[in-house]
């Protein structure tokens, strides 16, 4: 009970976005995130990514006004590091004017980018309905 109150004060935005019964998922996420990263590192060392799996990264080019500038800068640096470490075959789509709220406010550009990937896959693999 005390832990839930601590979460309410430390994570008020998360509390407002989800049902109070789901706050335990925050605890689980934080608890298991290091285990997930460890498994990803191990898997990456053991085998390379198959060439038939397409990877696309969607990102926005707009700093989030609700986050401190230092956090925005750290996010941008982390994003660049991620992109530099991914294989050359990874497609990177930049959604103009998008921040972390874009998918809720105006999802159109994100849907367009995803549809481009799906159409490209359908053309390349011969599967699905051609558009």
N, C-alpha and C. Protein backbone atom coordinates (compact mmCIF):
# COMPACT_ATOMS: atom_id res chain seq x y z
N UNK A 1 0.82 -1.19 0.00
CA UNK A 1 0.00 0.00 0.00
C UNK A 1 0.87 1.26 0.00
N UNK A 2 1.89 1.26 0.83
CA UNK A 2 2.80 2.41 0.88
C UNK A 2 3.48 2.60 -0.46
N UNK A 3 3.86 1.48 -1.10
CA UNK A 3 4.55 1.57 -2.39
C UNK A 3 3.66 2.21 -3.45
N UNK A 4 2.35 1.91 -3.42
CA UNK A 4 1.43 2.52 -4.38
C UNK A 4 1.34 4.02 -4.18
N UNK A 5 1.37 4.46 -2.93
CA UNK A 5 1.34 5.90 -2.68
C UNK A 5 2.62 6.56 -3.16
N UNK A 6 3.75 5.87 -2.99
CA UNK A 6 5.01 6.42 -3.49
C UNK A 6 4.94 6.55 -5.01
N UNK A 7 4.40 5.54 -5.68
CA UNK A 7 4.27 5.60 -7.13
C UNK A 7 3.37 6.75 -7.55
N UNK A 8 2.32 7.01 -6.79
CA UNK A 8 1.41 8.09 -7.13
C UNK A 8 2.12 9.44 -7.10
N UNK A 9 3.04 9.61 -6.16
CA UNK A 9 3.75 10.87 -6.06
C UNK A 9 4.95 10.94 -6.99
N UNK A 10 5.61 9.84 -7.25
CA UNK A 10 6.78 9.85 -8.11
C UNK A 10 6.41 9.75 -9.59
N UNK A 11 5.32 9.10 -9.89
CA UNK A 11 4.91 8.89 -11.28
C UNK A 11 3.48 9.39 -11.50
N UNK A 12 3.19 10.67 -11.24
CA UNK A 12 1.80 11.12 -11.36
C UNK A 12 1.28 11.04 -12.79
N UNK A 13 2.15 11.27 -13.79
CA UNK A 13 1.68 11.21 -15.16
C UNK A 13 1.27 9.78 -15.52
N UNK A 14 2.04 8.81 -15.11
CA UNK A 14 1.69 7.41 -15.37
C UNK A 14 0.38 7.07 -14.70
N UNK A 15 0.17 7.59 -13.49
CA UNK A 15 -1.07 7.30 -12.76
C UNK A 15 -2.27 7.85 -13.52
N UNK A 16 -2.13 9.03 -14.10
CA UNK A 16 -3.25 9.64 -14.80
C UNK A 16 -3.54 8.93 -16.12
N UNK A 17 -2.55 8.24 -16.67
CA UNK A 17 -2.73 7.60 -17.97
C UNK A 17 -3.31 6.20 -17.87
N UNK A 18 -3.27 5.59 -16.70
CA UNK A 18 -3.72 4.20 -16.62
C UNK A 18 -4.60 3.98 -15.39
N UNK A 19 -5.24 2.87 -15.39
CA UNK A 19 -6.10 2.48 -14.29
C UNK A 19 -5.23 2.16 -13.07
N UNK A 20 -5.65 2.55 -11.86
CA UNK A 20 -4.82 2.30 -10.67
C UNK A 20 -4.43 0.85 -10.47
N UNK A 21 -5.27 -0.08 -10.90
CA UNK A 21 -4.92 -1.50 -10.74
C UNK A 21 -3.74 -1.90 -11.62
N UNK A 22 -3.46 -1.10 -12.64
CA UNK A 22 -2.38 -1.44 -13.56
C UNK A 22 -1.04 -0.86 -13.13
N UNK A 23 -1.00 -0.18 -12.00
CA UNK A 23 0.27 0.39 -11.53
C UNK A 23 1.31 -0.68 -11.25
N UNK A 24 0.86 -1.89 -10.98
CA UNK A 24 1.83 -2.96 -10.74
C UNK A 24 2.65 -3.24 -11.98
N UNK A 25 2.12 -2.91 -13.15
CA UNK A 25 2.90 -3.12 -14.38
C UNK A 25 4.13 -2.22 -14.41
N UNK A 26 4.05 -1.04 -13.79
CA UNK A 26 5.21 -0.15 -13.70
C UNK A 26 6.31 -0.82 -12.89
N UNK A 27 5.93 -1.42 -11.80
CA UNK A 27 6.90 -2.11 -10.94
C UNK A 27 7.53 -3.26 -11.70
N UNK A 28 6.72 -4.05 -12.38
CA UNK A 28 7.24 -5.18 -13.16
C UNK A 28 8.18 -4.70 -14.25
N UNK A 29 7.79 -3.63 -14.93
CA UNK A 29 8.62 -3.11 -16.02
C UNK A 29 10.00 -2.70 -15.50
N UNK A 30 10.04 -1.98 -14.42
CA UNK A 30 11.33 -1.55 -13.86
C UNK A 30 12.12 -2.74 -13.33
N UNK A 31 11.44 -3.70 -12.79
CA UNK A 31 12.13 -4.86 -12.22
C UNK A 31 12.78 -5.72 -13.30
N UNK A 32 12.08 -5.91 -14.40
CA UNK A 32 12.56 -6.84 -15.42
C UNK A 32 13.30 -6.18 -16.58
N UNK A 33 13.42 -4.85 -16.60
CA UNK A 33 14.04 -4.19 -17.74
C UNK A 33 15.51 -4.56 -17.89
N UNK A 34 16.24 -4.66 -16.78
CA UNK A 34 17.65 -5.04 -16.87
C UNK A 34 17.80 -6.47 -17.36
N UNK A 35 16.91 -7.35 -16.94
CA UNK A 35 16.95 -8.73 -17.42
C UNK A 35 16.69 -8.78 -18.93
N UNK A 36 15.76 -7.98 -19.40
CA UNK A 36 15.47 -7.93 -20.83
C UNK A 36 16.68 -7.44 -21.61
N UNK A 37 17.31 -6.37 -21.14
CA UNK A 37 18.50 -5.85 -21.82
C UNK A 37 19.63 -6.87 -21.82
N UNK A 38 19.79 -7.58 -20.74
CA UNK A 38 20.83 -8.61 -20.65
C UNK A 38 20.57 -9.71 -21.68
N UNK A 39 19.34 -10.14 -21.79
CA UNK A 39 19.00 -11.17 -22.77
C UNK A 39 19.22 -10.68 -24.19
N UNK A 40 18.91 -9.42 -24.45
CA UNK A 40 19.13 -8.87 -25.78
C UNK A 40 20.61 -8.83 -26.13
N UNK A 41 21.46 -8.43 -25.17
CA UNK A 41 22.91 -8.41 -25.41
C UNK A 41 23.44 -9.81 -25.68
N UNK A 42 22.99 -10.78 -24.90
CA UNK A 42 23.43 -12.16 -25.09
C UNK A 42 23.02 -12.68 -26.46
N UNK A 43 21.78 -12.44 -26.84
CA UNK A 43 21.29 -12.90 -28.13
C UNK A 43 22.06 -12.26 -29.28
N UNK A 44 22.37 -10.98 -29.13
CA UNK A 44 23.10 -10.27 -30.18
C UNK A 44 24.50 -10.86 -30.37
N UNK A 45 25.12 -11.30 -29.28
CA UNK A 45 26.45 -11.91 -29.38
C UNK A 45 26.39 -13.30 -29.99
N UNK A 46 25.33 -14.03 -29.73
CA UNK A 46 25.23 -15.41 -30.20
C UNK A 46 24.89 -15.52 -31.68
N UNK A 47 24.00 -14.70 -32.16
CA UNK A 47 23.62 -14.79 -33.57
C UNK A 47 23.26 -13.42 -34.11
N UNK A 48 23.55 -13.24 -35.38
CA UNK A 48 23.22 -11.97 -36.01
C UNK A 48 21.75 -11.97 -36.44
N UNK A 49 21.26 -10.82 -36.71
CA UNK A 49 19.87 -10.66 -37.10
C UNK A 49 19.65 -11.22 -38.51
N UNK A 50 18.65 -12.06 -38.71
CA UNK A 50 18.40 -12.61 -40.05
C UNK A 50 18.08 -11.49 -41.04
N UNK A 51 18.51 -11.68 -42.27
CA UNK A 51 18.32 -10.64 -43.29
C UNK A 51 16.87 -10.50 -43.73
N UNK A 52 16.05 -11.51 -43.48
CA UNK A 52 14.65 -11.43 -43.92
C UNK A 52 13.76 -10.67 -42.94
N UNK A 53 14.32 -10.21 -41.83
CA UNK A 53 13.56 -9.42 -40.87
C UNK A 53 13.84 -7.95 -41.14
N UNK A 54 12.79 -7.21 -41.46
CA UNK A 54 12.98 -5.79 -41.71
C UNK A 54 12.81 -5.01 -40.41
N UNK A 55 13.65 -4.02 -40.25
CA UNK A 55 13.60 -3.17 -39.06
C UNK A 55 13.40 -1.74 -39.52
N UNK A 56 12.44 -1.07 -38.91
CA UNK A 56 12.19 0.33 -39.20
C UNK A 56 12.15 1.09 -37.88
N UNK A 57 12.76 2.25 -37.88
CA UNK A 57 12.77 3.11 -36.70
C UNK A 57 12.04 4.39 -37.05
N UNK A 58 11.02 4.71 -36.26
CA UNK A 58 10.29 5.96 -36.42
C UNK A 58 10.72 6.91 -35.32
N UNK A 59 11.06 8.12 -35.69
CA UNK A 59 11.40 9.11 -34.66
C UNK A 59 10.90 10.47 -35.10
N UNK A 60 10.74 11.34 -34.14
CA UNK A 60 10.31 12.70 -34.42
C UNK A 60 11.50 13.64 -34.37
N UNK A 61 11.35 14.81 -34.96
CA UNK A 61 12.43 15.79 -34.94
C UNK A 61 12.06 17.00 -34.09
N UNK A 62 11.20 16.79 -33.12
CA UNK A 62 10.71 17.89 -32.29
C UNK A 62 10.99 17.57 -30.83
N UNK A 63 11.63 18.50 -30.15
CA UNK A 63 11.89 18.31 -28.72
C UNK A 63 10.59 18.42 -27.94
N UNK A 64 10.47 17.60 -26.93
CA UNK A 64 9.28 17.60 -26.08
C UNK A 64 9.36 18.79 -25.13
N UNK A 65 8.38 19.66 -25.19
CA UNK A 65 8.38 20.87 -24.37
C UNK A 65 8.16 20.59 -22.89
N UNK A 66 7.60 19.43 -22.56
CA UNK A 66 7.33 19.10 -21.17
C UNK A 66 8.52 18.46 -20.47
N UNK A 67 9.54 18.08 -21.23
CA UNK A 67 10.72 17.46 -20.63
C UNK A 67 11.83 18.50 -20.52
N UNK A 68 12.69 18.37 -19.52
CA UNK A 68 13.83 19.30 -19.41
C UNK A 68 14.74 19.18 -20.62
N UNK A 69 15.43 20.28 -20.95
CA UNK A 69 16.28 20.28 -22.15
C UNK A 69 17.40 19.25 -22.05
N UNK A 70 17.94 19.03 -20.85
CA UNK A 70 18.99 18.03 -20.69
C UNK A 70 18.48 16.64 -21.06
N UNK A 71 17.25 16.34 -20.67
CA UNK A 71 16.67 15.04 -20.99
C UNK A 71 16.40 14.91 -22.49
N UNK A 72 15.95 16.01 -23.11
CA UNK A 72 15.76 16.00 -24.56
C UNK A 72 17.08 15.75 -25.29
N UNK A 73 18.15 16.39 -24.82
CA UNK A 73 19.46 16.19 -25.44
C UNK A 73 19.94 14.76 -25.26
N UNK A 74 19.76 14.22 -24.06
CA UNK A 74 20.17 12.84 -23.79
C UNK A 74 19.37 11.88 -24.67
N UNK A 75 18.09 12.15 -24.85
CA UNK A 75 17.25 11.30 -25.71
C UNK A 75 17.77 11.33 -27.15
N UNK A 76 18.10 12.53 -27.64
CA UNK A 76 18.60 12.65 -29.02
C UNK A 76 19.93 11.92 -29.19
N UNK A 77 20.81 12.02 -28.20
CA UNK A 77 22.10 11.31 -28.26
C UNK A 77 21.87 9.81 -28.25
N UNK A 78 20.99 9.34 -27.38
CA UNK A 78 20.68 7.91 -27.32
C UNK A 78 20.09 7.40 -28.63
N UNK A 79 19.25 8.21 -29.24
CA UNK A 79 18.65 7.84 -30.52
C UNK A 79 19.73 7.70 -31.60
N UNK A 80 20.66 8.66 -31.64
CA UNK A 80 21.74 8.58 -32.63
C UNK A 80 22.65 7.38 -32.39
N UNK A 81 22.93 7.08 -31.14
CA UNK A 81 23.74 5.90 -30.83
C UNK A 81 23.05 4.62 -31.28
N UNK A 82 21.76 4.54 -31.02
CA UNK A 82 21.00 3.37 -31.44
C UNK A 82 21.06 3.21 -32.95
N UNK A 83 20.82 4.29 -33.68
CA UNK A 83 20.82 4.22 -35.14
C UNK A 83 22.19 3.86 -35.69
N UNK A 84 23.25 4.33 -35.04
CA UNK A 84 24.60 4.02 -35.52
C UNK A 84 24.99 2.57 -35.28
N UNK A 85 24.37 1.92 -34.31
CA UNK A 85 24.70 0.53 -33.99
C UNK A 85 23.83 -0.49 -34.71
N UNK A 86 22.79 -0.03 -35.35
CA UNK A 86 21.91 -0.95 -36.07
C UNK A 86 22.47 -1.27 -37.45
N UNK A 87 22.08 -2.40 -38.03
CA UNK A 87 22.58 -2.75 -39.37
C UNK A 87 22.20 -1.71 -40.42
N UNK A 88 22.93 -1.71 -41.53
CA UNK A 88 22.68 -0.76 -42.61
C UNK A 88 21.29 -0.91 -43.23
N UNK A 89 20.72 -2.09 -43.12
CA UNK A 89 19.42 -2.35 -43.75
C UNK A 89 18.24 -1.71 -43.00
N UNK A 90 18.50 -1.14 -41.84
CA UNK A 90 17.43 -0.53 -41.04
C UNK A 90 16.94 0.75 -41.72
N UNK A 91 15.63 0.86 -41.84
CA UNK A 91 15.03 2.07 -42.40
C UNK A 91 14.71 3.03 -41.27
N UNK A 92 15.10 4.29 -41.43
CA UNK A 92 14.83 5.30 -40.42
C UNK A 92 13.89 6.33 -41.02
N UNK A 93 12.72 6.47 -40.41
CA UNK A 93 11.74 7.46 -40.83
C UNK A 93 11.68 8.56 -39.79
N UNK A 94 11.82 9.80 -40.24
CA UNK A 94 11.70 10.95 -39.34
C UNK A 94 10.35 11.61 -39.62
N UNK A 95 9.54 11.73 -38.58
CA UNK A 95 8.23 12.36 -38.70
C UNK A 95 8.39 13.82 -38.28
N UNK A 96 8.19 14.74 -39.22
CA UNK A 96 8.38 16.16 -38.95
C UNK A 96 7.40 16.66 -37.90
N UNK A 97 7.92 17.40 -36.94
CA UNK A 97 7.10 18.00 -35.90
C UNK A 97 6.57 17.04 -34.87
N UNK A 98 7.11 15.83 -34.81
CA UNK A 98 6.58 14.82 -33.90
C UNK A 98 7.37 14.77 -32.60
N UNK A 99 6.65 14.59 -31.51
CA UNK A 99 7.26 14.31 -30.22
C UNK A 99 6.56 13.06 -29.67
N UNK A 100 6.73 12.80 -28.39
CA UNK A 100 6.18 11.56 -27.83
C UNK A 100 4.66 11.54 -27.77
N UNK A 101 4.02 12.69 -27.95
CA UNK A 101 2.56 12.76 -27.91
C UNK A 101 1.93 12.64 -29.30
N UNK A 102 2.75 12.62 -30.32
CA UNK A 102 2.26 12.64 -31.70
C UNK A 102 1.30 11.50 -32.00
N UNK A 103 1.61 10.31 -31.50
CA UNK A 103 0.76 9.16 -31.85
C UNK A 103 -0.65 9.30 -31.30
N UNK A 104 -0.85 10.16 -30.31
CA UNK A 104 -2.18 10.37 -29.74
C UNK A 104 -2.88 11.57 -30.39
N UNK A 105 -2.12 12.62 -30.69
CA UNK A 105 -2.71 13.85 -31.19
C UNK A 105 -2.99 13.81 -32.69
N UNK A 106 -2.01 13.36 -33.45
CA UNK A 106 -2.15 13.32 -34.91
C UNK A 106 -1.38 12.12 -35.44
N UNK A 107 -2.00 10.94 -35.40
CA UNK A 107 -1.28 9.72 -35.78
C UNK A 107 -1.08 9.54 -37.28
N UNK A 108 -1.63 10.40 -38.09
CA UNK A 108 -1.55 10.24 -39.55
C UNK A 108 -0.16 10.01 -40.10
N UNK A 109 0.83 10.87 -39.80
CA UNK A 109 2.18 10.64 -40.34
C UNK A 109 2.81 9.33 -39.88
N UNK A 110 2.51 8.90 -38.68
CA UNK A 110 3.05 7.63 -38.19
C UNK A 110 2.41 6.48 -38.95
N UNK A 111 1.10 6.55 -39.14
CA UNK A 111 0.40 5.51 -39.90
C UNK A 111 0.93 5.47 -41.33
N UNK A 112 1.18 6.65 -41.93
CA UNK A 112 1.72 6.70 -43.29
C UNK A 112 3.08 6.00 -43.37
N UNK A 113 3.94 6.25 -42.40
CA UNK A 113 5.27 5.62 -42.40
C UNK A 113 5.15 4.11 -42.26
N UNK A 114 4.27 3.65 -41.39
CA UNK A 114 4.07 2.21 -41.21
C UNK A 114 3.50 1.60 -42.49
N UNK A 115 2.57 2.28 -43.12
CA UNK A 115 1.99 1.77 -44.37
C UNK A 115 3.03 1.68 -45.48
N UNK A 116 3.99 2.64 -45.53
CA UNK A 116 5.07 2.55 -46.51
C UNK A 116 5.89 1.28 -46.31
N UNK A 117 6.17 0.96 -45.06
CA UNK A 117 6.94 -0.25 -44.76
C UNK A 117 6.15 -1.49 -45.18
N UNK A 118 4.87 -1.52 -44.85
CA UNK A 118 4.03 -2.67 -45.19
C UNK A 118 3.93 -2.83 -46.70
N UNK A 119 3.70 -1.72 -47.42
CA UNK A 119 3.62 -1.79 -48.89
C UNK A 119 4.93 -2.28 -49.49
N UNK A 120 6.05 -1.79 -48.97
CA UNK A 120 7.35 -2.24 -49.45
C UNK A 120 7.56 -3.72 -49.21
N UNK A 121 7.14 -4.20 -48.06
CA UNK A 121 7.27 -5.63 -47.74
C UNK A 121 6.40 -6.46 -48.68
N UNK A 122 5.19 -5.99 -48.92
CA UNK A 122 4.29 -6.73 -49.81
C UNK A 122 4.84 -6.79 -51.23
N UNK A 123 5.41 -5.69 -51.69
CA UNK A 123 5.99 -5.69 -53.04
C UNK A 123 7.20 -6.61 -53.10
N UNK A 124 8.03 -6.58 -52.08
CA UNK A 124 9.26 -7.36 -52.07
C UNK A 124 9.05 -8.84 -51.87
N UNK A 125 8.08 -9.21 -51.04
CA UNK A 125 7.90 -10.62 -50.72
C UNK A 125 6.85 -11.30 -51.58
N UNK A 126 6.05 -10.51 -52.28
CA UNK A 126 5.00 -11.10 -53.09
C UNK A 126 3.80 -11.54 -52.27
N UNK A 127 3.81 -11.29 -50.98
CA UNK A 127 2.70 -11.71 -50.13
C UNK A 127 1.67 -10.62 -49.98
N UNK A 128 0.50 -10.99 -49.61
CA UNK A 128 -0.55 -10.03 -49.32
C UNK A 128 -1.18 -9.44 -50.56
N UNK A 129 -1.99 -8.45 -50.35
CA UNK A 129 -2.71 -7.79 -51.43
C UNK A 129 -1.85 -6.65 -51.94
N UNK A 130 -1.68 -6.56 -53.24
CA UNK A 130 -0.89 -5.48 -53.83
C UNK A 130 -1.74 -4.22 -53.89
N UNK A 131 -1.08 -3.09 -53.58
CA UNK A 131 -1.80 -1.81 -53.63
C UNK A 131 -1.11 -0.86 -54.58
